């Protein structure tokens, strides 16, 4: 399987309906960034194709091979708040004194090690 990087519509299915609305609410109150695993070229193209780049501060874009390493932690501002859909990443961040919020879209389980939300609509309320 392969993806044609020139196709700017291929990623539309990957943006949850509340994403743009919440980014609009937060962009004037917070410096927003990206904390993502994957190939930089692919991830950057994906964010650009989705029109998301305009919301994020270029100094706060961290696209890495693995998010749960000490090397990555050293680059993240200590006052950062990171929302992630992987509970293990949120637990790792919390353990390393970075405020992490687990976005659990799968069920109604709550983490006992980090804050939990079930929709991005909840984010502006808890920040």
PDB file of N, CA and C in Angstrom:
ATOM      1  N   UNK A   1       0.845  -1.168   0.000  1.00  0.00           N
ATOM      2  CA  UNK A   1       0.000   0.000   0.000  1.00  0.00           C
ATOM      3  C   UNK A   1       0.893   1.235   0.000  1.00  0.00           C
ATOM      4  N   UNK A   2       0.487   2.267  -0.696  1.00  0.00           N
ATOM      5  CA  UNK A   2       1.232   3.518  -0.706  1.00  0.00           C
ATOM      6  C   UNK A   2       0.257   4.672  -0.802  1.00  0.00           C
ATOM      7  N   UNK A   3       0.733   5.860  -0.459  1.00  0.00           N
ATOM      8  CA  UNK A   3      -0.084   7.067  -0.519  1.00  0.00           C
ATOM      9  C   UNK A   3       0.549   8.041  -1.494  1.00  0.00           C
ATOM     10  N   UNK A   4      -0.262   8.676  -2.276  1.00  0.00           N
ATOM     11  CA  UNK A   4       0.214   9.735  -3.162  1.00  0.00           C
ATOM     12  C   UNK A   4       0.252  11.019  -2.336  1.00  0.00           C
ATOM     13  N   UNK A   5       1.423  11.521  -2.062  1.00  0.00           N
ATOM     14  CA  UNK A   5       1.540  12.707  -1.224  1.00  0.00           C
ATOM     15  C   UNK A   5       0.967  13.954  -1.875  1.00  0.00           C
ATOM     16  N   UNK A   6       0.745  13.916  -3.172  1.00  0.00           N
ATOM     17  CA  UNK A   6       0.169  15.073  -3.842  1.00  0.00           C
ATOM     18  C   UNK A   6      -1.340  15.178  -3.588  1.00  0.00           C
ATOM     19  N   UNK A   7      -1.952  14.110  -3.149  1.00  0.00           N
ATOM     20  CA  UNK A   7      -3.394  14.097  -2.930  1.00  0.00           C
ATOM     21  C   UNK A   7      -3.703  14.781  -1.600  1.00  0.00           C
ATOM     22  N   UNK A   8      -4.233  15.979  -1.654  1.00  0.00           N
ATOM     23  CA  UNK A   8      -4.474  16.745  -0.427  1.00  0.00           C
ATOM     24  C   UNK A   8      -5.759  16.349   0.278  1.00  0.00           C
ATOM     25  N   UNK A   9      -6.561  15.485  -0.312  1.00  0.00           N
ATOM     26  CA  UNK A   9      -7.832  15.111   0.316  1.00  0.00           C
ATOM     27  C   UNK A   9      -7.760  13.765   1.023  1.00  0.00           C
ATOM     28  N   UNK A  10      -6.648  13.096   0.945  1.00  0.00           N
ATOM     29  CA  UNK A  10      -6.543  11.750   1.478  1.00  0.00           C
ATOM     30  C   UNK A  10      -6.693  11.702   3.001  1.00  0.00           C
ATOM     31  N   UNK A  11      -6.403  12.803   3.697  1.00  0.00           N
ATOM     32  CA  UNK A  11      -6.382  12.792   5.151  1.00  0.00           C
ATOM     33  C   UNK A  11      -7.662  13.305   5.802  1.00  0.00           C
ATOM     34  N   UNK A  12      -8.618  13.764   5.062  1.00  0.00           N
ATOM     35  CA  UNK A  12      -9.815  14.358   5.642  1.00  0.00           C
ATOM     36  C   UNK A  12     -10.516  13.442   6.630  1.00  0.00           C
ATOM     37  N   UNK A  13     -10.478  12.144   6.405  1.00  0.00           N
ATOM     38  CA  UNK A  13     -11.149  11.222   7.305  1.00  0.00           C
ATOM     39  C   UNK A  13     -10.462  11.131   8.664  1.00  0.00           C
ATOM     40  N   UNK A  14      -9.249  11.639   8.783  1.00  0.00           N
ATOM     41  CA  UNK A  14      -8.504  11.520  10.024  1.00  0.00           C
ATOM     42  C   UNK A  14      -8.694  12.690  10.985  1.00  0.00           C
ATOM     43  N   UNK A  15      -9.456  13.673  10.617  1.00  0.00           N
ATOM     44  CA  UNK A  15      -9.694  14.807  11.509  1.00  0.00           C
ATOM     45  C   UNK A  15     -11.071  14.636  12.143  1.00  0.00           C
ATOM     46  N   UNK A  16     -11.092  14.557  13.471  1.00  0.00           N
ATOM     47  CA  UNK A  16     -12.368  14.454  14.169  1.00  0.00           C
ATOM     48  C   UNK A  16     -13.124  15.764  14.034  1.00  0.00           C
ATOM     49  N   UNK A  17     -14.439  15.662  14.042  1.00  0.00           N
ATOM     50  CA  UNK A  17     -15.280  16.825  13.742  1.00  0.00           C
ATOM     51  C   UNK A  17     -15.041  18.013  14.669  1.00  0.00           C
ATOM     52  N   UNK A  18     -14.657  17.764  15.914  1.00  0.00           N
ATOM     53  CA  UNK A  18     -14.477  18.880  16.845  1.00  0.00           C
ATOM     54  C   UNK A  18     -13.092  19.517  16.776  1.00  0.00           C
ATOM     55  N   UNK A  19     -12.181  18.920  16.055  1.00  0.00           N
ATOM     56  CA  UNK A  19     -10.789  19.377  16.047  1.00  0.00           C
ATOM     57  C   UNK A  19     -10.644  20.848  15.668  1.00  0.00           C
ATOM     58  N   UNK A  20     -11.170  21.233  14.534  1.00  0.00           N
ATOM     59  CA  UNK A  20     -11.001  22.620  14.072  1.00  0.00           C
ATOM     60  C   UNK A  20     -11.676  23.618  15.005  1.00  0.00           C
ATOM     61  N   UNK A  21     -12.850  23.270  15.494  1.00  0.00           N
ATOM     62  CA  UNK A  21     -13.566  24.175  16.399  1.00  0.00           C
ATOM     63  C   UNK A  21     -12.770  24.405  17.687  1.00  0.00           C
ATOM     64  N   UNK A  22     -12.207  23.354  18.231  1.00  0.00           N
ATOM     65  CA  UNK A  22     -11.432  23.483  19.466  1.00  0.00           C
ATOM     66  C   UNK A  22     -10.119  24.223  19.214  1.00  0.00           C
ATOM     67  N   UNK A  23      -9.454  23.940  18.113  1.00  0.00           N
ATOM     68  CA  UNK A  23      -8.230  24.676  17.778  1.00  0.00           C
ATOM     69  C   UNK A  23      -8.510  26.168  17.640  1.00  0.00           C
ATOM     70  N   UNK A  24      -9.627  26.519  17.029  1.00  0.00           N
ATOM     71  CA  UNK A  24     -10.011  27.933  16.897  1.00  0.00           C
ATOM     72  C   UNK A  24     -10.184  28.577  18.265  1.00  0.00           C
ATOM     73  N   UNK A  25     -10.794  27.853  19.213  1.00  0.00           N
ATOM     74  CA  UNK A  25     -11.008  28.395  20.559  1.00  0.00           C
ATOM     75  C   UNK A  25      -9.695  28.585  21.313  1.00  0.00           C
ATOM     76  N   UNK A  26      -8.768  27.676  21.098  1.00  0.00           N
ATOM     77  CA  UNK A  26      -7.533  27.685  21.886  1.00  0.00           C
ATOM     78  C   UNK A  26      -6.413  28.541  21.308  1.00  0.00           C
ATOM     79  N   UNK A  27      -6.433  28.769  20.008  1.00  0.00           N
ATOM     80  CA  UNK A  27      -5.278  29.381  19.330  1.00  0.00           C
ATOM     81  C   UNK A  27      -4.916  30.775  19.838  1.00  0.00           C
ATOM     82  N   UNK A  28      -5.877  31.547  20.315  1.00  0.00           N
ATOM     83  CA  UNK A  28      -5.578  32.893  20.801  1.00  0.00           C
ATOM     84  C   UNK A  28      -5.217  32.922  22.288  1.00  0.00           C
ATOM     85  N   UNK A  29      -5.461  31.819  22.998  1.00  0.00           N
ATOM     86  CA  UNK A  29      -5.176  31.764  24.429  1.00  0.00           C
ATOM     87  C   UNK A  29      -3.890  31.016  24.757  1.00  0.00           C
ATOM     88  N   UNK A  30      -3.489  30.126  23.874  1.00  0.00           N
ATOM     89  CA  UNK A  30      -2.337  29.262  24.129  1.00  0.00           C
ATOM     90  C   UNK A  30      -1.440  29.182  22.906  1.00  0.00           C
ATOM     91  N   UNK A  31      -0.161  28.910  23.140  1.00  0.00           N
ATOM     92  CA  UNK A  31       0.744  28.540  22.047  1.00  0.00           C
ATOM     93  C   UNK A  31       0.531  27.049  21.827  1.00  0.00           C
ATOM     94  N   UNK A  32       0.125  26.677  20.643  1.00  0.00           N
ATOM     95  CA  UNK A  32      -0.198  25.282  20.354  1.00  0.00           C
ATOM     96  C   UNK A  32       0.948  24.610  19.616  1.00  0.00           C
ATOM     97  N   UNK A  33       1.127  23.337  19.891  1.00  0.00           N
ATOM     98  CA  UNK A  33       2.189  22.577  19.255  1.00  0.00           C
ATOM     99  C   UNK A  33       1.726  21.198  18.845  1.00  0.00           C
ATOM    100  N   UNK A  34       2.649  20.458  18.279  1.00  0.00           N
ATOM    101  CA  UNK A  34       2.383  19.091  17.833  1.00  0.00           C
ATOM    102  C   UNK A  34       3.410  18.185  18.493  1.00  0.00           C
ATOM    103  N   UNK A  35       2.932  17.086  19.052  1.00  0.00           N
ATOM    104  CA  UNK A  35       3.772  16.065  19.674  1.00  0.00           C
ATOM    105  C   UNK A  35       3.338  14.755  19.045  1.00  0.00           C
ATOM    106  N   UNK A  36       4.085  14.302  18.049  1.00  0.00           N
ATOM    107  CA  UNK A  36       3.616  13.194  17.223  1.00  0.00           C
ATOM    108  C   UNK A  36       4.742  12.223  16.889  1.00  0.00           C
ATOM    109  N   UNK A  37       4.368  10.960  16.765  1.00  0.00           N
ATOM    110  CA  UNK A  37       5.309   9.943  16.303  1.00  0.00           C
ATOM    111  C   UNK A  37       5.130   9.742  14.813  1.00  0.00           C
ATOM    112  N   UNK A  38       6.234   9.491  14.125  1.00  0.00           N
ATOM    113  CA  UNK A  38       6.140   9.192  12.705  1.00  0.00           C
ATOM    114  C   UNK A  38       7.254   9.833  11.906  1.00  0.00           C
ATOM    115  N   UNK A  39       7.181   9.639  10.625  1.00  0.00           N
ATOM    116  CA  UNK A  39       8.141  10.226   9.703  1.00  0.00           C
ATOM    117  C   UNK A  39       7.837  11.709   9.555  1.00  0.00           C
ATOM    118  N   UNK A  40       8.834  12.563   9.748  1.00  0.00           N
ATOM    119  CA  UNK A  40       8.613  14.011   9.699  1.00  0.00           C
ATOM    120  C   UNK A  40       7.990  14.460   8.384  1.00  0.00           C
ATOM    121  N   UNK A  41       8.514  13.987   7.282  1.00  0.00           N
ATOM    122  CA  UNK A  41       8.012  14.416   5.979  1.00  0.00           C
ATOM    123  C   UNK A  41       6.533  14.051   5.817  1.00  0.00           C
ATOM    124  N   UNK A  42       6.177  12.838   6.178  1.00  0.00           N
ATOM    125  CA  UNK A  42       4.790  12.386   6.054  1.00  0.00           C
ATOM    126  C   UNK A  42       3.876  13.161   7.000  1.00  0.00           C
ATOM    127  N   UNK A  43       4.285  13.294   8.268  1.00  0.00           N
ATOM    128  CA  UNK A  43       3.458  13.996   9.248  1.00  0.00           C
ATOM    129  C   UNK A  43       3.288  15.469   8.874  1.00  0.00           C
ATOM    130  N   UNK A  44       4.370  16.124   8.473  1.00  0.00           N
ATOM    131  CA  UNK A  44       4.269  17.532   8.066  1.00  0.00           C
ATOM    132  C   UNK A  44       3.329  17.698   6.883  1.00  0.00           C
ATOM    133  N   UNK A  45       3.417  16.799   5.920  1.00  0.00           N
ATOM    134  CA  UNK A  45       2.522  16.874   4.764  1.00  0.00           C
ATOM    135  C   UNK A  45       1.068  16.659   5.193  1.00  0.00           C
ATOM    136  N   UNK A  46       0.858  15.741   6.100  1.00  0.00           N
ATOM    137  CA  UNK A  46      -0.497  15.465   6.581  1.00  0.00           C
ATOM    138  C   UNK A  46      -1.092  16.704   7.250  1.00  0.00           C
ATOM    139  N   UNK A  47      -0.342  17.327   8.156  1.00  0.00           N
ATOM    140  CA  UNK A  47      -0.855  18.519   8.843  1.00  0.00           C
ATOM    141  C   UNK A  47      -1.100  19.663   7.865  1.00  0.00           C
ATOM    142  N   UNK A  48      -0.198  19.834   6.915  1.00  0.00           N
ATOM    143  CA  UNK A  48      -0.362  20.883   5.905  1.00  0.00           C
ATOM    144  C   UNK A  48      -1.586  20.610   5.032  1.00  0.00           C
ATOM    145  N   UNK A  49      -1.751  19.374   4.595  1.00  0.00           N
ATOM    146  CA  UNK A  49      -2.881  19.006   3.737  1.00  0.00           C
ATOM    147  C   UNK A  49      -4.215  19.222   4.430  1.00  0.00           C
ATOM    148  N   UNK A  50      -4.228  19.035   5.736  1.00  0.00           N
ATOM    149  CA  UNK A  50      -5.452  19.215   6.503  1.00  0.00           C
ATOM    150  C   UNK A  50      -5.689  20.675   6.890  1.00  0.00           C
ATOM    151  N   UNK A  51      -4.745  21.547   6.574  1.00  0.00           N
ATOM    152  CA  UNK A  51      -4.891  22.957   6.917  1.00  0.00           C
ATOM    153  C   UNK A  51      -4.672  23.233   8.390  1.00  0.00           C
ATOM    154  N   UNK A  52      -3.941  22.376   9.073  1.00  0.00           N
ATOM    155  CA  UNK A  52      -3.746  22.519  10.512  1.00  0.00           C
ATOM    156  C   UNK A  52      -2.519  23.340  10.889  1.00  0.00           C
ATOM    157  N   UNK A  53      -1.582  23.504   9.988  1.00  0.00           N
ATOM    158  CA  UNK A  53      -0.332  24.208  10.308  1.00  0.00           C
ATOM    159  C   UNK A  53      -0.547  25.608  10.861  1.00  0.00           C
ATOM    160  N   UNK A  54      -1.571  26.280  10.411  1.00  0.00           N
ATOM    161  CA  UNK A  54      -1.786  27.669  10.843  1.00  0.00           C
ATOM    162  C   UNK A  54      -2.071  27.790  12.344  1.00  0.00           C
ATOM    163  N   UNK A  55      -2.427  26.696  12.980  1.00  0.00           N
ATOM    164  CA  UNK A  55      -2.744  26.730  14.407  1.00  0.00           C
ATOM    165  C   UNK A  55      -1.520  26.535  15.301  1.00  0.00           C
ATOM    166  N   UNK A  56      -0.427  26.019  14.740  1.00  0.00           N
ATOM    167  CA  UNK A  56       0.683  25.572  15.568  1.00  0.00           C
ATOM    168  C   UNK A  56       1.919  26.452  15.455  1.00  0.00           C
ATOM    169  N   UNK A  57       2.562  26.652  16.595  1.00  0.00           N
ATOM    170  CA  UNK A  57       3.804  27.402  16.695  1.00  0.00           C
ATOM    171  C   UNK A  57       4.937  26.511  16.177  1.00  0.00           C
ATOM    172  N   UNK A  58       5.678  26.989  15.218  1.00  0.00           N
ATOM    173  CA  UNK A  58       6.750  26.183  14.604  1.00  0.00           C
ATOM    174  C   UNK A  58       7.794  25.730  15.616  1.00  0.00           C
ATOM    175  N   UNK A  59       7.985  26.502  16.680  1.00  0.00           N
ATOM    176  CA  UNK A  59       8.949  26.126  17.718  1.00  0.00           C
ATOM    177  C   UNK A  59       8.436  24.998  18.612  1.00  0.00           C
ATOM    178  N   UNK A  60       7.160  24.676  18.488  1.00  0.00           N
ATOM    179  CA  UNK A  60       6.558  23.654  19.345  1.00  0.00           C
ATOM    180  C   UNK A  60       6.104  22.429  18.551  1.00  0.00           C
ATOM    181  N   UNK A  61       6.780  22.144  17.477  1.00  0.00           N
ATOM    182  CA  UNK A  61       6.446  20.961  16.682  1.00  0.00           C
ATOM    183  C   UNK A  61       7.514  19.906  16.928  1.00  0.00           C
ATOM    184  N   UNK A  62       7.076  18.805  17.522  1.00  0.00           N
ATOM    185  CA  UNK A  62       7.964  17.694  17.853  1.00  0.00           C
ATOM    186  C   UNK A  62       7.437  16.440  17.165  1.00  0.00           C
ATOM    187  N   UNK A  63       8.032  16.091  16.056  1.00  0.00           N
ATOM    188  CA  UNK A  63       7.675  14.870  15.335  1.00  0.00           C
ATOM    189  C   UNK A  63       8.879  13.951  15.460  1.00  0.00           C
ATOM    190  N   UNK A  64       8.684  12.863  16.179  1.00  0.00           N
ATOM    191  CA  UNK A  64       9.798  11.994  16.557  1.00  0.00           C
ATOM    192  C   UNK A  64       9.478  10.531  16.259  1.00  0.00           C
ATOM    193  N   UNK A  65      10.505   9.707  16.299  1.00  0.00           N
ATOM    194  CA  UNK A  65      10.303   8.272  16.087  1.00  0.00           C
ATOM    195  C   UNK A  65       9.606   7.620  17.277  1.00  0.00           C
ATOM    196  N   UNK A  66       9.922   8.082  18.478  1.00  0.00           N
ATOM    197  CA  UNK A  66       9.307   7.542  19.696  1.00  0.00           C
ATOM    198  C   UNK A  66       9.097   8.684  20.684  1.00  0.00           C
ATOM    199  N   UNK A  67       7.870   8.818  21.188  1.00  0.00           N
ATOM    200  CA  UNK A  67       7.540   9.924  22.085  1.00  0.00           C
ATOM    201  C   UNK A  67       7.976   9.678  23.523  1.00  0.00           C
ATOM    202  N   UNK A  68       8.263   8.445  23.861  1.00  0.00           N
ATOM    203  CA  UNK A  68       8.552   8.113  25.254  1.00  0.00           C
ATOM    204  C   UNK A  68      10.045   7.929  25.518  1.00  0.00           C
ATOM    205  N   UNK A  69      10.818   8.948  25.140  1.00  0.00           N
ATOM    206  CA  UNK A  69      12.259   8.915  25.396  1.00  0.00           C
ATOM    207  C   UNK A  69      12.686  10.161  26.165  1.00  0.00           C
ATOM    208  N   UNK A  70      13.736  10.020  26.930  1.00  0.00           N
ATOM    209  CA  UNK A  70      14.266  11.156  27.701  1.00  0.00           C
ATOM    210  C   UNK A  70      14.752  12.277  26.782  1.00  0.00           C
ATOM    211  N   UNK A  71      15.288  11.924  25.621  1.00  0.00           N
ATOM    212  CA  UNK A  71      15.784  12.932  24.675  1.00  0.00           C
ATOM    213  C   UNK A  71      14.660  13.856  24.210  1.00  0.00           C
ATOM    214  N   UNK A  72      13.501  13.286  23.969  1.00  0.00           N
ATOM    215  CA  UNK A  72      12.348  14.087  23.541  1.00  0.00           C
ATOM    216  C   UNK A  72      11.864  14.958  24.697  1.00  0.00           C
ATOM    217  N   UNK A  73      11.831  14.401  25.895  1.00  0.00           N
ATOM    218  CA  UNK A  73      11.385  15.161  27.067  1.00  0.00           C
ATOM    219  C   UNK A  73      12.213  16.420  27.285  1.00  0.00           C
ATOM    220  N   UNK A  74      13.489  16.345  27.011  1.00  0.00           N
ATOM    221  CA  UNK A  74      14.370  17.494  27.219  1.00  0.00           C
ATOM    222  C   UNK A  74      14.025  18.666  26.309  1.00  0.00           C
ATOM    223  N   UNK A  75      13.363  18.407  25.201  1.00  0.00           N
ATOM    224  CA  UNK A  75      13.001  19.457  24.246  1.00  0.00           C
ATOM    225  C   UNK A  75      11.654  20.106  24.561  1.00  0.00           C
ATOM    226  N   UNK A  76      10.823  19.407  25.307  1.00  0.00           N
ATOM    227  CA  UNK A  76       9.467  19.888  25.584  1.00  0.00           C
ATOM    228  C   UNK A  76       9.502  20.914  26.714  1.00  0.00           C
ATOM    229  N   UNK A  77       8.870  22.075  26.530  1.00  0.00           N
ATOM    230  CA  UNK A  77       8.815  23.065  27.610  1.00  0.00           C
ATOM    231  C   UNK A  77       8.172  22.467  28.868  1.00  0.00           C
ATOM    232  N   UNK A  78       8.722  22.795  30.022  1.00  0.00           N
ATOM    233  CA  UNK A  78       8.235  22.230  31.288  1.00  0.00           C
ATOM    234  C   UNK A  78       6.796  22.634  31.601  1.00  0.00           C
ATOM    235  N   UNK A  79       6.342  23.756  31.058  1.00  0.00           N
ATOM    236  CA  UNK A  79       4.968  24.185  31.322  1.00  0.00           C
ATOM    237  C   UNK A  79       3.992  23.702  30.247  1.00  0.00           C
ATOM    238  N   UNK A  80       4.444  22.785  29.407  1.00  0.00           N
ATOM    239  CA  UNK A  80       3.585  22.263  28.341  1.00  0.00           C
ATOM    240  C   UNK A  80       2.460  21.411  28.920  1.00  0.00           C
ATOM    241  N   UNK A  81       1.360  21.390  28.198  1.00  0.00           N
ATOM    242  CA  UNK A  81       0.245  20.490  28.483  1.00  0.00           C
ATOM    243  C   UNK A  81       0.060  19.677  27.213  1.00  0.00           C
ATOM    244  N   UNK A  82       0.175  18.360  27.333  1.00  0.00           N
ATOM    245  CA  UNK A  82       0.114  17.508  26.148  1.00  0.00           C
ATOM    246  C   UNK A  82      -1.125  16.635  26.200  1.00  0.00           C
ATOM    247  N   UNK A  83      -1.868  16.642  25.102  1.00  0.00           N
ATOM    248  CA  UNK A  83      -3.036  15.783  24.941  1.00  0.00           C
ATOM    249  C   UNK A  83      -2.622  14.662  24.000  1.00  0.00           C
ATOM    250  N   UNK A  84      -2.856  13.425  24.423  1.00  0.00           N
ATOM    251  CA  UNK A  84      -2.461  12.271  23.614  1.00  0.00           C
ATOM    252  C   UNK A  84      -3.544  11.202  23.708  1.00  0.00           C
ATOM    253  N   UNK A  85      -3.697  10.434  22.643  1.00  0.00           N
ATOM    254  CA  UNK A  85      -4.696   9.365  22.660  1.00  0.00           C
ATOM    255  C   UNK A  85      -4.120   8.025  23.121  1.00  0.00           C
ATOM    256  N   UNK A  86      -2.865   8.033  23.543  1.00  0.00           N
ATOM    257  CA  UNK A  86      -2.254   6.813  24.080  1.00  0.00           C
ATOM    258  C   UNK A  86      -2.049   6.992  25.580  1.00  0.00           C
ATOM    259  N   UNK A  87      -2.724   6.171  26.347  1.00  0.00           N
ATOM    260  CA  UNK A  87      -2.634   6.280  27.802  1.00  0.00           C
ATOM    261  C   UNK A  87      -1.206   6.071  28.295  1.00  0.00           C
ATOM    262  N   UNK A  88      -0.477   5.148  27.684  1.00  0.00           N
ATOM    263  CA  UNK A  88       0.897   4.877  28.127  1.00  0.00           C
ATOM    264  C   UNK A  88       1.799   6.100  27.941  1.00  0.00           C
ATOM    265  N   UNK A  89       1.586   6.848  26.875  1.00  0.00           N
ATOM    266  CA  UNK A  89       2.367   8.077  26.656  1.00  0.00           C
ATOM    267  C   UNK A  89       2.014   9.106  27.725  1.00  0.00           C
ATOM    268  N   UNK A  90       0.730   9.246  28.023  1.00  0.00           N
ATOM    269  CA  UNK A  90       0.305  10.200  29.062  1.00  0.00           C
ATOM    270  C   UNK A  90       0.888   9.826  30.420  1.00  0.00           C
ATOM    271  N   UNK A  91       0.898   8.543  30.731  1.00  0.00           N
ATOM    272  CA  UNK A  91       1.482   8.096  31.994  1.00  0.00           C
ATOM    273  C   UNK A  91       2.981   8.393  32.036  1.00  0.00           C
ATOM    274  N   UNK A  92       3.669   8.165  30.933  1.00  0.00           N
ATOM    275  CA  UNK A  92       5.102   8.467  30.838  1.00  0.00           C
ATOM    276  C   UNK A  92       5.351   9.961  31.071  1.00  0.00           C
ATOM    277  N   UNK A  93       4.550  10.801  30.436  1.00  0.00           N
ATOM    278  CA  UNK A  93       4.709  12.248  30.583  1.00  0.00           C
ATOM    279  C   UNK A  93       4.434  12.690  32.014  1.00  0.00           C
ATOM    280  N   UNK A  94       3.350  12.191  32.592  1.00  0.00           N
ATOM    281  CA  UNK A  94       2.992  12.542  33.963  1.00  0.00           C
ATOM    282  C   UNK A  94       4.100  12.128  34.932  1.00  0.00           C
ATOM    283  N   UNK A  95       4.613  10.938  34.737  1.00  0.00           N
ATOM    284  CA  UNK A  95       5.713  10.432  35.573  1.00  0.00           C
ATOM    285  C   UNK A  95       6.940  11.340  35.480  1.00  0.00           C
ATOM    286  N   UNK A  96       7.091  12.000  34.343  1.00  0.00           N
ATOM    287  CA  UNK A  96       8.220  12.908  34.130  1.00  0.00           C
ATOM    288  C   UNK A  96       7.840  14.374  34.318  1.00  0.00           C
ATOM    289  N   UNK A  97       6.779  14.598  35.083  1.00  0.00           N
ATOM    290  CA  UNK A  97       6.349  15.926  35.526  1.00  0.00           C
ATOM    291  C   UNK A  97       5.910  16.859  34.409  1.00  0.00           C
ATOM    292  N   UNK A  98       5.322  16.296  33.376  1.00  0.00           N
ATOM    293  CA  UNK A  98       4.689  17.094  32.326  1.00  0.00           C
ATOM    294  C   UNK A  98       3.196  16.812  32.405  1.00  0.00           C
ATOM    295  N   UNK A  99       2.399  17.856  32.433  1.00  0.00           N
ATOM    296  CA  UNK A  99       0.954  17.666  32.506  1.00  0.00           C
ATOM    297  C   UNK A  99       0.466  17.016  31.218  1.00  0.00           C
ATOM    298  N   UNK A 100      -0.162  15.860  31.381  1.00  0.00           N
ATOM    299  CA  UNK A 100      -0.666  15.111  30.233  1.00  0.00           C
ATOM    300  C   UNK A 100      -2.151  14.847  30.412  1.00  0.00           C
ATOM    301  N   UNK A 101      -2.868  14.939  29.312  1.00  0.00           N
ATOM    302  CA  UNK A 101      -4.304  14.673  29.301  1.00  0.00           C
ATOM    303  C   UNK A 101      -4.546  13.568  28.289  1.00  0.00           C
ATOM    304  N   UNK A 102      -5.119  12.484  28.772  1.00  0.00           N
ATOM    305  CA  UNK A 102      -5.407  11.343  27.913  1.00  0.00           C
ATOM    306  C   UNK A 102      -6.744  11.553  27.215  1.00  0.00           C
ATOM    307  N   UNK A 103      -6.732  11.530  25.891  1.00  0.00           N
ATOM    308  CA  UNK A 103      -7.953  11.619  25.090  1.00  0.00           C
ATOM    309  C   UNK A 103      -8.395  10.199  24.783  1.00  0.00           C
ATOM    310  N   UNK A 104      -9.360   9.703  25.543  1.00  0.00           N
ATOM    311  CA  UNK A 104      -9.855   8.333  25.411  1.00  0.00           C
ATOM    312  C   UNK A 104     -11.143   8.344  24.593  1.00  0.00           C
ATOM    313  N   UNK A 105     -11.039   8.014  23.343  1.00  0.00           N
ATOM    314  CA  UNK A 105     -12.207   7.971  22.463  1.00  0.00           C
ATOM    315  C   UNK A 105     -12.812   6.570  22.374  1.00  0.00           C
ATOM    316  N   UNK A 106     -12.212   5.595  23.058  1.00  0.00           N
ATOM    317  CA  UNK A 106     -12.622   4.198  22.889  1.00  0.00           C
ATOM    318  C   UNK A 106     -13.710   3.734  23.841  1.00  0.00           C
ATOM    319  N   UNK A 107     -13.653   4.180  25.090  1.00  0.00           N
ATOM    320  CA  UNK A 107     -14.622   3.722  26.081  1.00  0.00           C
ATOM    321  C   UNK A 107     -14.744   4.788  27.167  1.00  0.00           C
ATOM    322  N   UNK A 108     -15.379   4.454  28.278  1.00  0.00           N
ATOM    323  CA  UNK A 108     -15.563   5.460  29.332  1.00  0.00           C
ATOM    324  C   UNK A 108     -14.601   5.266  30.504  1.00  0.00           C
ATOM    325  N   UNK A 109     -13.548   4.508  30.289  1.00  0.00           N
ATOM    326  CA  UNK A 109     -12.550   4.279  31.328  1.00  0.00           C
ATOM    327  C   UNK A 109     -11.743   5.546  31.581  1.00  0.00           C
ATOM    328  N   UNK A 110     -11.420   5.752  32.844  1.00  0.00           N
ATOM    329  CA  UNK A 110     -10.644   6.922  33.249  1.00  0.00           C
ATOM    330  C   UNK A 110      -9.286   6.445  33.759  1.00  0.00           C
ATOM    331  N   UNK A 111      -8.241   7.155  33.409  1.00  0.00           N
ATOM    332  CA  UNK A 111      -6.904   6.808  33.887  1.00  0.00           C
ATOM    333  C   UNK A 111      -6.754   7.242  35.336  1.00  0.00           C
ATOM    334  N   UNK A 112      -6.061   6.430  36.109  1.00  0.00           N
ATOM    335  CA  UNK A 112      -5.791   6.817  37.490  1.00  0.00           C
ATOM    336  C   UNK A 112      -4.444   7.532  37.623  1.00  0.00           C
ATOM    337  N   UNK A 113      -3.737   7.689  36.491  1.00  0.00           N
ATOM    338  CA  UNK A 113      -2.418   8.321  36.526  1.00  0.00           C
ATOM    339  C   UNK A 113      -2.356   9.670  35.813  1.00  0.00           C
ATOM    340  N   UNK A 114      -3.383  10.006  35.045  1.00  0.00           N
ATOM    341  CA  UNK A 114      -3.392  11.303  34.354  1.00  0.00           C
ATOM    342  C   UNK A 114      -4.840  11.722  34.100  1.00  0.00           C
ATOM    343  N   UNK A 115      -5.015  12.997  33.805  1.00  0.00           N
ATOM    344  CA  UNK A 115      -6.351  13.500  33.495  1.00  0.00           C
ATOM    345  C   UNK A 115      -6.889  12.804  32.249  1.00  0.00           C
ATOM    346  N   UNK A 116      -8.209  12.639  32.199  1.00  0.00           N
ATOM    347  CA  UNK A 116      -8.830  11.951  31.067  1.00  0.00           C
ATOM    348  C   UNK A 116      -9.970  12.791  30.515  1.00  0.00           C
ATOM    349  N   UNK A 117     -10.010  12.904  29.193  1.00  0.00           N
ATOM    350  CA  UNK A 117     -11.155  13.497  28.507  1.00  0.00           C
ATOM    351  C   UNK A 117     -11.601  12.515  27.431  1.00  0.00           C
ATOM    352  N   UNK A 118     -12.821  12.681  26.966  1.00  0.00           N
ATOM    353  CA  UNK A 118     -13.389  11.758  25.989  1.00  0.00           C
ATOM    354  C   UNK A 118     -13.671  12.432  24.652  1.00  0.00           C
ATOM    355  N   UNK A 119     -13.544  13.736  24.628  1.00  0.00           N
ATOM    356  CA  UNK A 119     -13.742  14.528  23.419  1.00  0.00           C
ATOM    357  C   UNK A 119     -12.896  15.789  23.555  1.00  0.00           C
ATOM    358  N   UNK A 120     -12.413  16.302  22.445  1.00  0.00           N
ATOM    359  CA  UNK A 120     -11.652  17.554  22.496  1.00  0.00           C
ATOM    360  C   UNK A 120     -12.509  18.716  22.989  1.00  0.00           C
ATOM    361  N   UNK A 121     -13.835  18.611  22.866  1.00  0.00           N
ATOM    362  CA  UNK A 121     -14.719  19.666  23.369  1.00  0.00           C
ATOM    363  C   UNK A 121     -14.511  19.897  24.865  1.00  0.00           C
ATOM    364  N   UNK A 122     -14.045  18.892  25.592  1.00  0.00           N
ATOM    365  CA  UNK A 122     -13.816  19.017  27.034  1.00  0.00           C
ATOM    366  C   UNK A 122     -12.545  19.800  27.360  1.00  0.00           C
ATOM    367  N   UNK A 123     -11.649  19.898  26.421  1.00  0.00           N
ATOM    368  CA  UNK A 123     -10.336  20.489  26.673  1.00  0.00           C
ATOM    369  C   UNK A 123     -10.384  21.941  27.155  1.00  0.00           C
ATOM    370  N   UNK A 124     -11.092  22.843  26.485  1.00  0.00           N
ATOM    371  CA  UNK A 124     -11.105  24.234  26.960  1.00  0.00           C
ATOM    372  C   UNK A 124     -11.623  24.374  28.394  1.00  0.00           C
ATOM    373  N   UNK A 125     -12.469  23.471  28.817  1.00  0.00           N
ATOM    374  CA  UNK A 125     -13.049  23.542  30.158  1.00  0.00           C
ATOM    375  C   UNK A 125     -12.019  23.202  31.237  1.00  0.00           C
ATOM    376  N   UNK A 126     -11.145  22.220  30.969  1.00  0.00           N
ATOM    377  CA  UNK A 126     -10.211  21.796  32.015  1.00  0.00           C
ATOM    378  C   UNK A 126      -8.877  22.537  31.992  1.00  0.00           C
ATOM    379  N   UNK A 127      -8.649  23.342  30.968  1.00  0.00           N
ATOM    380  CA  UNK A 127      -7.361  24.050  30.901  1.00  0.00           C
ATOM    381  C   UNK A 127      -7.318  25.255  31.815  1.00  0.00           C
TER     382      UNK A 127
END
